[in-house]
Amino acid sequence: MRVGTASEAPLPTARLMDASTHGLLLSFPEPVGLPTGLRVCVSVPDPSGALHLVGRVARVERGDDFHTYVGIALGASVGAAVDPADPADPADAGRSAGMPARRSGVGDDVTRWADWLAAAEREPHDTCRSR
């Protein structure tokens, strides 16, 4: 999983440790500078295209294994994470009528995330399991 911030500072790839419709627990193999309250975008790889989830850093802890564990709050706890007035993709704003959009909006990704989690309960994805 990739995590992006407004500063676009590069972060190491994170591993998904636990997930729900309300939040994520990510593990980074090294220390990361993510203060609590920071708004982030988490990109979740999916066979149907990456999911982009907007959330806020809720907690950052260093583990006994020297990994950094980051809790990301999603949904109502984040506030207005998705503005329905925003176009699905800024690149689509100037697109001619009738032209298909390049990707779904972030709000659609939240729905896809809930569907992904429901499918994981039926048939767990390898990325959801701790190793």
Protein backbone atom coordinates (compact mmCIF):
# COMPACT_ATOMS: atom_id res chain seq x y z
CA MET A 1 0.00 0.00 0.00
CA ARG A 2 1.15 3.49 -0.73
CA VAL A 3 0.44 6.49 1.50
CA GLY A 4 0.52 10.05 0.20
CA THR A 5 0.43 13.37 2.01
CA ALA A 6 -0.10 16.97 0.91
CA SER A 7 3.65 17.53 1.00
CA GLU A 8 4.10 14.57 -1.39
CA ALA A 9 7.16 13.50 0.60
CA PRO A 10 8.03 9.93 -0.40
CA LEU A 11 7.11 7.29 2.17
CA PRO A 12 8.08 3.62 2.19
CA THR A 13 5.48 1.09 1.08
CA ALA A 14 3.25 0.03 3.96
CA ARG A 15 1.79 -3.38 4.72
CA LEU A 16 -1.89 -3.67 5.63
CA MET A 17 -2.18 -5.31 9.06
CA ASP A 18 -5.89 -4.85 9.77
CA ALA A 19 -8.80 -3.10 8.10
CA SER A 20 -12.40 -2.07 8.60
CA THR A 21 -14.77 0.44 7.05
CA HIS A 22 -13.71 2.83 9.85
CA GLY A 23 -9.95 2.57 9.58
CA LEU A 24 -6.71 0.86 8.66
CA LEU A 25 -3.70 -0.33 10.60
CA LEU A 26 -0.54 -0.09 8.49
CA SER A 27 2.98 -1.29 9.20
CA PHE A 28 6.00 0.58 7.84
CA PRO A 29 9.42 -1.13 7.89
CA GLU A 30 11.08 2.07 9.16
CA PRO A 31 10.21 5.26 11.06
CA VAL A 32 7.86 7.62 9.24
CA GLY A 33 7.07 11.26 9.99
CA LEU A 34 3.29 11.18 10.08
CA PRO A 35 1.89 13.34 12.89
CA THR A 36 -1.55 12.53 14.30
CA GLY A 37 -4.31 14.47 12.59
CA LEU A 38 -2.48 14.62 9.23
CA ARG A 39 -4.77 14.05 6.25
CA VAL A 40 -3.49 11.24 4.02
CA CYS A 41 -4.50 9.32 0.92
CA VAL A 42 -3.98 5.56 1.05
CA SER A 43 -3.76 3.74 -2.30
CA VAL A 44 -4.88 0.13 -2.02
CA PRO A 45 -3.91 -2.14 -4.94
CA ASP A 46 -6.94 -4.00 -6.31
CA PRO A 47 -7.40 -6.11 -9.46
CA SER A 48 -10.12 -3.73 -10.67
CA GLY A 49 -7.89 -0.66 -10.16
CA ALA A 50 -6.36 1.10 -7.19
CA LEU A 51 -8.64 2.29 -4.40
CA HIS A 52 -7.84 5.74 -3.03
CA LEU A 53 -9.01 6.26 0.55
CA VAL A 54 -8.79 9.63 2.29
CA GLY A 55 -8.27 9.51 6.04
CA ARG A 56 -6.47 11.05 8.99
CA VAL A 57 -3.59 9.65 11.01
CA ALA A 58 -5.11 8.60 14.33
CA ARG A 59 -2.10 6.98 16.00
CA VAL A 60 1.58 6.28 15.38
CA GLU A 61 3.52 3.76 17.49
CA ARG A 62 6.91 2.11 17.21
CA GLY A 63 6.68 -1.68 17.65
CA ASP A 64 9.07 -4.04 19.43
CA ASP A 65 9.97 -5.32 15.95
CA PHE A 66 11.19 -1.79 15.03
CA HIS A 67 8.34 -1.33 12.55
CA THR A 68 6.20 1.80 12.76
CA TYR A 69 2.48 1.10 13.11
CA VAL A 70 0.10 3.79 11.88
CA GLY A 71 -3.65 3.85 12.49
CA ILE A 72 -5.63 5.69 9.80
CA ALA A 73 -9.22 6.80 10.57
CA LEU A 74 -11.65 6.70 7.63
CA GLY A 75 -15.22 7.91 7.19
CA ALA A 76 -17.20 10.15 9.52
CA SER A 77 -14.29 10.43 11.96
CA VAL A 78 -12.31 12.20 9.23
CA GLY A 79 -14.86 14.93 8.56
CA ALA A 80 -15.67 15.98 5.02
CA ALA A 81 -13.15 13.74 3.31
CA VAL A 82 -15.03 13.80 0.02
CA ASP A 83 -16.57 16.93 -1.46
CA PRO A 84 -19.38 15.88 -3.83
CA ALA A 85 -18.94 19.16 -5.73
CA ASP A 86 -15.44 18.10 -6.79
CA PRO A 87 -15.15 16.31 -10.14
CA ALA A 88 -14.29 12.61 -9.94
CA ASP A 89 -10.91 13.39 -11.45
CA PRO A 90 -9.50 16.90 -12.02
CA ALA A 91 -8.40 15.77 -15.48
CA ASP A 92 -12.07 15.11 -16.33
CA ALA A 93 -13.17 18.70 -15.57
CA GLY A 94 -12.37 19.87 -19.12
CA ARG A 95 -13.52 16.67 -20.82
CA SER A 96 -16.20 17.04 -23.52
CA ALA A 97 -19.73 15.92 -22.75
CA GLY A 98 -20.26 12.28 -23.59
CA MET A 99 -16.61 11.40 -23.07
CA PRO A 100 -16.12 8.71 -20.41
CA ALA A 101 -14.36 9.65 -17.18
CA ARG A 102 -10.94 8.13 -16.62
CA ARG A 103 -11.70 6.79 -13.13
CA SER A 104 -14.30 6.80 -10.43
CA GLY A 105 -14.36 9.43 -7.69
CA VAL A 106 -12.99 8.98 -4.20
CA GLY A 107 -16.55 8.53 -2.89
CA ASP A 108 -16.97 5.55 -5.22
CA ASP A 109 -13.69 4.18 -3.87
CA VAL A 110 -15.11 4.21 -0.33
CA THR A 111 -17.99 2.05 -1.61
CA ARG A 112 -15.52 -0.23 -3.42
CA TRP A 113 -13.52 -0.44 -0.16
CA ALA A 114 -16.60 -1.65 1.75
CA ASP A 115 -17.24 -4.21 -1.01
CA TRP A 116 -13.56 -5.29 -0.89
CA LEU A 117 -13.79 -5.83 2.87
CA ALA A 118 -17.02 -7.82 2.52
CA ALA A 119 -15.35 -10.05 -0.08
CA ALA A 120 -12.31 -10.45 2.21
CA GLU A 121 -14.60 -11.80 4.95
CA ARG A 122 -15.86 -14.46 2.54
CA GLU A 123 -12.44 -15.21 1.00
CA PRO A 124 -9.54 -13.46 2.80
CA HIS A 125 -7.09 -11.52 0.64
CA ASP A 126 -3.44 -12.21 1.39
CA THR A 127 -2.89 -8.49 2.07
CA CYS A 128 -5.33 -8.54 5.01
CA ARG A 129 -3.59 -11.26 6.97
CA SER A 130 -0.75 -10.68 9.36
CA ARG A 131 2.26 -12.86 8.69
